[in-house]
Amino acid sequence: MDNIDVRKYIINNFKEDSLKDIEESIDKSIESRSEDPLIGLGVLFELMWNSSDNEMKNSILSNIKKGLTNG
């Protein structure tokens, strides 16, 4: 993936997917315990973060902190 924009590639890969398709892809990526999907999950996280207001960002941060504490 040296000569491609990874963000654009991942966004285009999911653009036409249904919510269920996206959820299944996320679940499969997490279940795989592989590091390869982390790039895609990072792009999805970036999209979510950039489209979130401050209240949602605080909720995301709280959930991350909770996961770190429980994990």
PDB file of N, CA and C in Angstrom:
ATOM      1  N   MET A   1       0.828  -1.197   0.000  1.00  0.00           N
ATOM      2  CA  MET A   1       0.000   0.000   0.000  1.00  0.00           C
ATOM      3  C   MET A   1       0.867   1.253   0.000  1.00  0.00           C
ATOM      4  N   ASP A   2       2.020   1.181  -0.613  1.00  0.00           N
ATOM      5  CA  ASP A   2       2.945   2.300  -0.616  1.00  0.00           C
ATOM      6  C   ASP A   2       2.420   3.516  -1.378  1.00  0.00           C
ATOM      7  N   ASN A   3       1.755   3.289  -2.502  1.00  0.00           N
ATOM      8  CA  ASN A   3       1.388   4.397  -3.378  1.00  0.00           C
ATOM      9  C   ASN A   3      -0.090   4.763  -3.325  1.00  0.00           C
ATOM     10  N   ILE A   4      -0.811   4.280  -2.344  1.00  0.00           N
ATOM     11  CA  ILE A   4      -2.227   4.630  -2.263  1.00  0.00           C
ATOM     12  C   ILE A   4      -2.510   5.365  -0.967  1.00  0.00           C
ATOM     13  N   ASP A   5      -3.563   6.148  -0.987  1.00  0.00           N
ATOM     14  CA  ASP A   5      -4.025   6.834   0.214  1.00  0.00           C
ATOM     15  C   ASP A   5      -4.879   5.838   0.992  1.00  0.00           C
ATOM     16  N   VAL A   6      -4.349   5.335   2.096  1.00  0.00           N
ATOM     17  CA  VAL A   6      -5.017   4.292   2.864  1.00  0.00           C
ATOM     18  C   VAL A   6      -6.390   4.752   3.344  1.00  0.00           C
ATOM     19  N   ARG A   7      -6.486   5.994   3.794  1.00  0.00           N
ATOM     20  CA  ARG A   7      -7.784   6.506   4.261  1.00  0.00           C
ATOM     21  C   ARG A   7      -8.821   6.439   3.144  1.00  0.00           C
ATOM     22  N   LYS A   8      -8.448   6.935   1.977  1.00  0.00           N
ATOM     23  CA  LYS A   8      -9.389   6.919   0.843  1.00  0.00           C
ATOM     24  C   LYS A   8      -9.760   5.496   0.457  1.00  0.00           C
ATOM     25  N   TYR A   9      -8.775   4.614   0.468  1.00  0.00           N
ATOM     26  CA  TYR A   9      -9.026   3.218   0.119  1.00  0.00           C
ATOM     27  C   TYR A   9     -10.047   2.607   1.077  1.00  0.00           C
ATOM     28  N   ILE A  10      -9.856   2.799   2.365  1.00  0.00           N
ATOM     29  CA  ILE A  10     -10.750   2.213   3.364  1.00  0.00           C
ATOM     30  C   ILE A  10     -12.135   2.849   3.291  1.00  0.00           C
ATOM     31  N   ILE A  11     -12.177   4.162   3.159  1.00  0.00           N
ATOM     32  CA  ILE A  11     -13.471   4.844   3.051  1.00  0.00           C
ATOM     33  C   ILE A  11     -14.232   4.348   1.828  1.00  0.00           C
ATOM     34  N   ASN A  12     -13.557   4.256   0.690  1.00  0.00           N
ATOM     35  CA  ASN A  12     -14.212   3.767  -0.523  1.00  0.00           C
ATOM     36  C   ASN A  12     -14.641   2.316  -0.376  1.00  0.00           C
ATOM     37  N   ASN A  13     -13.885   1.537   0.388  1.00  0.00           N
ATOM     38  CA  ASN A  13     -14.206   0.134   0.594  1.00  0.00           C
ATOM     39  C   ASN A  13     -15.493  -0.037   1.399  1.00  0.00           C
ATOM     40  N   PHE A  14     -15.787   0.878   2.300  1.00  0.00           N
ATOM     41  CA  PHE A  14     -16.972   0.788   3.157  1.00  0.00           C
ATOM     42  C   PHE A  14     -18.127   1.672   2.707  1.00  0.00           C
ATOM     43  N   LYS A  15     -17.877   2.564   1.788  1.00  0.00           N
ATOM     44  CA  LYS A  15     -18.838   3.605   1.426  1.00  0.00           C
ATOM     45  C   LYS A  15     -20.243   3.084   1.109  1.00  0.00           C
ATOM     46  N   GLU A  16     -20.341   2.000   0.407  1.00  0.00           N
ATOM     47  CA  GLU A  16     -21.648   1.473  -0.012  1.00  0.00           C
ATOM     48  C   GLU A  16     -22.186   0.394   0.925  1.00  0.00           C
ATOM     49  N   ASP A  17     -21.455   0.080   1.987  1.00  0.00           N
ATOM     50  CA  ASP A  17     -21.877  -0.970   2.916  1.00  0.00           C
ATOM     51  C   ASP A  17     -23.034  -0.509   3.783  1.00  0.00           C
ATOM     52  N   SER A  18     -23.856  -1.456   4.175  1.00  0.00           N
ATOM     53  CA  SER A  18     -24.945  -1.172   5.115  1.00  0.00           C
ATOM     54  C   SER A  18     -24.362  -1.071   6.517  1.00  0.00           C
ATOM     55  N   LEU A  19     -25.165  -0.580   7.452  1.00  0.00           N
ATOM     56  CA  LEU A  19     -24.738  -0.519   8.845  1.00  0.00           C
ATOM     57  C   LEU A  19     -24.385  -1.915   9.359  1.00  0.00           C
ATOM     58  N   LYS A  20     -25.178  -2.896   8.984  1.00  0.00           N
ATOM     59  CA  LYS A  20     -24.932  -4.278   9.403  1.00  0.00           C
ATOM     60  C   LYS A  20     -23.597  -4.775   8.845  1.00  0.00           C
ATOM     61  N   ASP A  21     -23.309  -4.467   7.584  1.00  0.00           N
ATOM     62  CA  ASP A  21     -22.038  -4.874   6.976  1.00  0.00           C
ATOM     63  C   ASP A  21     -20.854  -4.252   7.714  1.00  0.00           C
ATOM     64  N   ILE A  22     -20.982  -2.982   8.059  1.00  0.00           N
ATOM     65  CA  ILE A  22     -19.907  -2.292   8.778  1.00  0.00           C
ATOM     66  C   ILE A  22     -19.727  -2.910  10.159  1.00  0.00           C
ATOM     67  N   GLU A  23     -20.829  -3.167  10.836  1.00  0.00           N
ATOM     68  CA  GLU A  23     -20.760  -3.782  12.165  1.00  0.00           C
ATOM     69  C   GLU A  23     -20.083  -5.150  12.084  1.00  0.00           C
ATOM     70  N   GLU A  24     -20.459  -5.956  11.106  1.00  0.00           N
ATOM     71  CA  GLU A  24     -19.857  -7.278  10.959  1.00  0.00           C
ATOM     72  C   GLU A  24     -18.359  -7.180  10.669  1.00  0.00           C
ATOM     73  N   SER A  25     -17.960  -6.218   9.857  1.00  0.00           N
ATOM     74  CA  SER A  25     -16.539  -6.031   9.558  1.00  0.00           C
ATOM     75  C   SER A  25     -15.761  -5.643  10.810  1.00  0.00           C
ATOM     76  N   ILE A  26     -16.346  -4.755  11.610  1.00  0.00           N
ATOM     77  CA  ILE A  26     -15.699  -4.346  12.864  1.00  0.00           C
ATOM     78  C   ILE A  26     -15.580  -5.547  13.794  1.00  0.00           C
ATOM     79  N   ASP A  27     -16.678  -6.287  13.959  1.00  0.00           N
ATOM     80  CA  ASP A  27     -16.663  -7.451  14.842  1.00  0.00           C
ATOM     81  C   ASP A  27     -15.628  -8.486  14.388  1.00  0.00           C
ATOM     82  N   LYS A  28     -15.583  -8.763  13.098  1.00  0.00           N
ATOM     83  CA  LYS A  28     -14.620  -9.738  12.571  1.00  0.00           C
ATOM     84  C   LYS A  28     -13.191  -9.260  12.789  1.00  0.00           C
ATOM     85  N   SER A  29     -12.966  -7.972  12.597  1.00  0.00           N
ATOM     86  CA  SER A  29     -11.626  -7.418  12.796  1.00  0.00           C
ATOM     87  C   SER A  29     -11.178  -7.579  14.241  1.00  0.00           C
ATOM     88  N   ILE A  30     -12.079  -7.299  15.167  1.00  0.00           N
ATOM     89  CA  ILE A  30     -11.749  -7.413  16.588  1.00  0.00           C
ATOM     90  C   ILE A  30     -11.561  -8.878  16.972  1.00  0.00           C
ATOM     91  N   GLU A  31     -12.435  -9.749  16.489  1.00  0.00           N
ATOM     92  CA  GLU A  31     -12.358 -11.169  16.818  1.00  0.00           C
ATOM     93  C   GLU A  31     -11.083 -11.816  16.279  1.00  0.00           C
ATOM     94  N   SER A  32     -10.566 -11.301  15.180  1.00  0.00           N
ATOM     95  CA  SER A  32      -9.381 -11.899  14.565  1.00  0.00           C
ATOM     96  C   SER A  32      -8.139 -11.743  15.433  1.00  0.00           C
ATOM     97  N   ARG A  33      -8.147 -10.740  16.302  1.00  0.00           N
ATOM     98  CA  ARG A  33      -7.002 -10.456  17.179  1.00  0.00           C
ATOM     99  C   ARG A  33      -5.730 -10.192  16.372  1.00  0.00           C
ATOM    100  N   SER A  34      -5.899  -9.868  15.103  1.00  0.00           N
ATOM    101  CA  SER A  34      -4.781  -9.572  14.218  1.00  0.00           C
ATOM    102  C   SER A  34      -4.502  -8.076  14.235  1.00  0.00           C
ATOM    103  N   GLU A  35      -3.273  -7.702  13.996  1.00  0.00           N
ATOM    104  CA  GLU A  35      -2.926  -6.287  13.967  1.00  0.00           C
ATOM    105  C   GLU A  35      -3.233  -5.642  12.612  1.00  0.00           C
ATOM    106  N   ASP A  36      -3.350  -6.442  11.566  1.00  0.00           N
ATOM    107  CA  ASP A  36      -3.590  -5.888  10.234  1.00  0.00           C
ATOM    108  C   ASP A  36      -4.841  -5.010  10.146  1.00  0.00           C
ATOM    109  N   PRO A  37      -5.974  -5.415  10.741  1.00  0.00           N
ATOM    110  CA  PRO A  37      -7.177  -4.594  10.635  1.00  0.00           C
ATOM    111  C   PRO A  37      -7.136  -3.303  11.449  1.00  0.00           C
ATOM    112  N   LEU A  38      -6.114  -3.128  12.280  1.00  0.00           N
ATOM    113  CA  LEU A  38      -6.065  -1.935  13.122  1.00  0.00           C
ATOM    114  C   LEU A  38      -6.022  -0.645  12.302  1.00  0.00           C
ATOM    115  N   ILE A  39      -5.420  -0.697  11.140  1.00  0.00           N
ATOM    116  CA  ILE A  39      -5.379   0.491  10.282  1.00  0.00           C
ATOM    117  C   ILE A  39      -6.796   0.887   9.878  1.00  0.00           C
ATOM    118  N   GLY A  40      -7.565  -0.087   9.425  1.00  0.00           N
ATOM    119  CA  GLY A  40      -8.951   0.197   9.025  1.00  0.00           C
ATOM    120  C   GLY A  40      -9.800   0.667  10.183  1.00  0.00           C
ATOM    121  N   LEU A  41      -9.634   0.016  11.325  1.00  0.00           N
ATOM    122  CA  LEU A  41     -10.384   0.440  12.510  1.00  0.00           C
ATOM    123  C   LEU A  41      -9.976   1.844  12.929  1.00  0.00           C
ATOM    124  N   GLY A  42      -8.705   2.163  12.767  1.00  0.00           N
ATOM    125  CA  GLY A  42      -8.231   3.512  13.078  1.00  0.00           C
ATOM    126  C   GLY A  42      -8.866   4.558  12.175  1.00  0.00           C
ATOM    127  N   VAL A  43      -9.015   4.225  10.900  1.00  0.00           N
ATOM    128  CA  VAL A  43      -9.662   5.158   9.970  1.00  0.00           C
ATOM    129  C   VAL A  43     -11.123   5.341  10.359  1.00  0.00           C
ATOM    130  N   LEU A  44     -11.800   4.245  10.689  1.00  0.00           N
ATOM    131  CA  LEU A  44     -13.210   4.355  11.105  1.00  0.00           C
ATOM    132  C   LEU A  44     -13.328   5.172  12.390  1.00  0.00           C
ATOM    133  N   PHE A  45     -12.394   4.969  13.316  1.00  0.00           N
ATOM    134  CA  PHE A  45     -12.395   5.751  14.547  1.00  0.00           C
ATOM    135  C   PHE A  45     -12.190   7.233  14.231  1.00  0.00           C
ATOM    136  N   GLU A  46     -11.257   7.528  13.332  1.00  0.00           N
ATOM    137  CA  GLU A  46     -11.000   8.922  12.952  1.00  0.00           C
ATOM    138  C   GLU A  46     -12.251   9.576  12.368  1.00  0.00           C
ATOM    139  N   LEU A  47     -12.972   8.844  11.520  1.00  0.00           N
ATOM    140  CA  LEU A  47     -14.219   9.378  10.950  1.00  0.00           C
ATOM    141  C   LEU A  47     -15.238   9.666  12.045  1.00  0.00           C
ATOM    142  N   MET A  48     -15.359   8.726  12.987  1.00  0.00           N
ATOM    143  CA  MET A  48     -16.303   8.905  14.091  1.00  0.00           C
ATOM    144  C   MET A  48     -15.900  10.102  14.945  1.00  0.00           C
ATOM    145  N   TRP A  49     -14.640  10.174  15.292  1.00  0.00           N
ATOM    146  CA  TRP A  49     -14.142  11.251  16.146  1.00  0.00           C
ATOM    147  C   TRP A  49     -14.372  12.608  15.485  1.00  0.00           C
ATOM    148  N   ASN A  50     -14.041  12.708  14.210  1.00  0.00           N
ATOM    149  CA  ASN A  50     -14.173  13.981  13.498  1.00  0.00           C
ATOM    150  C   ASN A  50     -15.616  14.421  13.311  1.00  0.00           C
ATOM    151  N   SER A  51     -16.550  13.474  13.364  1.00  0.00           N
ATOM    152  CA  SER A  51     -17.954  13.848  13.192  1.00  0.00           C
ATOM    153  C   SER A  51     -18.700  13.936  14.525  1.00  0.00           C
ATOM    154  N   SER A  52     -17.978  13.816  15.631  1.00  0.00           N
ATOM    155  CA  SER A  52     -18.603  13.850  16.956  1.00  0.00           C
ATOM    156  C   SER A  52     -18.515  15.239  17.579  1.00  0.00           C
ATOM    157  N   ASP A  53     -19.573  15.599  18.307  1.00  0.00           N
ATOM    158  CA  ASP A  53     -19.518  16.837  19.077  1.00  0.00           C
ATOM    159  C   ASP A  53     -18.790  16.564  20.392  1.00  0.00           C
ATOM    160  N   ASN A  54     -18.596  17.595  21.192  1.00  0.00           N
ATOM    161  CA  ASN A  54     -17.838  17.448  22.436  1.00  0.00           C
ATOM    162  C   ASN A  54     -18.469  16.445  23.397  1.00  0.00           C
ATOM    163  N   GLU A  55     -19.788  16.425  23.462  1.00  0.00           N
ATOM    164  CA  GLU A  55     -20.473  15.481  24.346  1.00  0.00           C
ATOM    165  C   GLU A  55     -20.187  14.040  23.917  1.00  0.00           C
ATOM    166  N   MET A  56     -20.263  13.784  22.619  1.00  0.00           N
ATOM    167  CA  MET A  56     -19.988  12.443  22.108  1.00  0.00           C
ATOM    168  C   MET A  56     -18.514  12.079  22.313  1.00  0.00           C
ATOM    169  N   LYS A  57     -17.613  13.040  22.097  1.00  0.00           N
ATOM    170  CA  LYS A  57     -16.186  12.776  22.319  1.00  0.00           C
ATOM    171  C   LYS A  57     -15.923  12.405  23.770  1.00  0.00           C
ATOM    172  N   ASN A  58     -16.570  13.098  24.702  1.00  0.00           N
ATOM    173  CA  ASN A  58     -16.413  12.768  26.117  1.00  0.00           C
ATOM    174  C   ASN A  58     -16.936  11.367  26.415  1.00  0.00           C
ATOM    175  N   SER A  59     -18.030  10.982  25.767  1.00  0.00           N
ATOM    176  CA  SER A  59     -18.578   9.641  25.941  1.00  0.00           C
ATOM    177  C   SER A  59     -17.610   8.591  25.389  1.00  0.00           C
ATOM    178  N   ILE A  60     -17.045   8.862  24.227  1.00  0.00           N
ATOM    179  CA  ILE A  60     -16.063   7.954  23.628  1.00  0.00           C
ATOM    180  C   ILE A  60     -14.864   7.805  24.555  1.00  0.00           C
ATOM    181  N   LEU A  61     -14.360   8.931  25.040  1.00  0.00           N
ATOM    182  CA  LEU A  61     -13.208   8.893  25.943  1.00  0.00           C
ATOM    183  C   LEU A  61     -13.514   8.118  27.216  1.00  0.00           C
ATOM    184  N   SER A  62     -14.709   8.308  27.762  1.00  0.00           N
ATOM    185  CA  SER A  62     -15.123   7.565  28.968  1.00  0.00           C
ATOM    186  C   SER A  62     -15.155   6.071  28.694  1.00  0.00           C
ATOM    187  N   ASN A  63     -15.676   5.684  27.526  1.00  0.00           N
ATOM    188  CA  ASN A  63     -15.722   4.262  27.171  1.00  0.00           C
ATOM    189  C   ASN A  63     -14.327   3.688  26.972  1.00  0.00           C
ATOM    190  N   ILE A  64     -13.442   4.464  26.375  1.00  0.00           N
ATOM    191  CA  ILE A  64     -12.060   4.009  26.207  1.00  0.00           C
ATOM    192  C   ILE A  64     -11.410   3.824  27.573  1.00  0.00           C
ATOM    193  N   LYS A  65     -11.583   4.807  28.446  1.00  0.00           N
ATOM    194  CA  LYS A  65     -11.007   4.727  29.789  1.00  0.00           C
ATOM    195  C   LYS A  65     -11.562   3.521  30.540  1.00  0.00           C
ATOM    196  N   LYS A  66     -12.859   3.287  30.410  1.00  0.00           N
ATOM    197  CA  LYS A  66     -13.495   2.137  31.056  1.00  0.00           C
ATOM    198  C   LYS A  66     -12.888   0.836  30.524  1.00  0.00           C
ATOM    199  N   GLY A  67     -12.688   0.759  29.211  1.00  0.00           N
ATOM    200  CA  GLY A  67     -12.075  -0.419  28.609  1.00  0.00           C
ATOM    201  C   GLY A  67     -10.647  -0.620  29.071  1.00  0.00           C
ATOM    202  N   LEU A  68      -9.907   0.465  29.225  1.00  0.00           N
ATOM    203  CA  LEU A  68      -8.530   0.364  29.696  1.00  0.00           C
ATOM    204  C   LEU A  68      -8.479  -0.127  31.135  1.00  0.00           C
ATOM    205  N   THR A  69      -9.423   0.328  31.925  1.00  0.00           N
ATOM    206  CA  THR A  69      -9.480  -0.055  33.326  1.00  0.00           C
ATOM    207  C   THR A  69      -9.912  -1.507  33.489  1.00  0.00           C
ATOM    208  N   ASN A  70     -10.858  -1.935  32.655  1.00  0.00           N
ATOM    209  CA  ASN A  70     -11.384  -3.300  32.752  1.00  0.00           C
ATOM    210  C   ASN A  70     -10.579  -4.306  31.949  1.00  0.00           C
ATOM    211  N   GLY A  71      -9.759  -3.806  31.009  1.00  0.00           N
ATOM    212  CA  GLY A  71      -9.048  -4.711  30.110  1.00  0.00           C
ATOM    213  C   GLY A  71      -7.815  -5.178  30.709  1.00  0.00           C
TER     214      GLY A  71
END
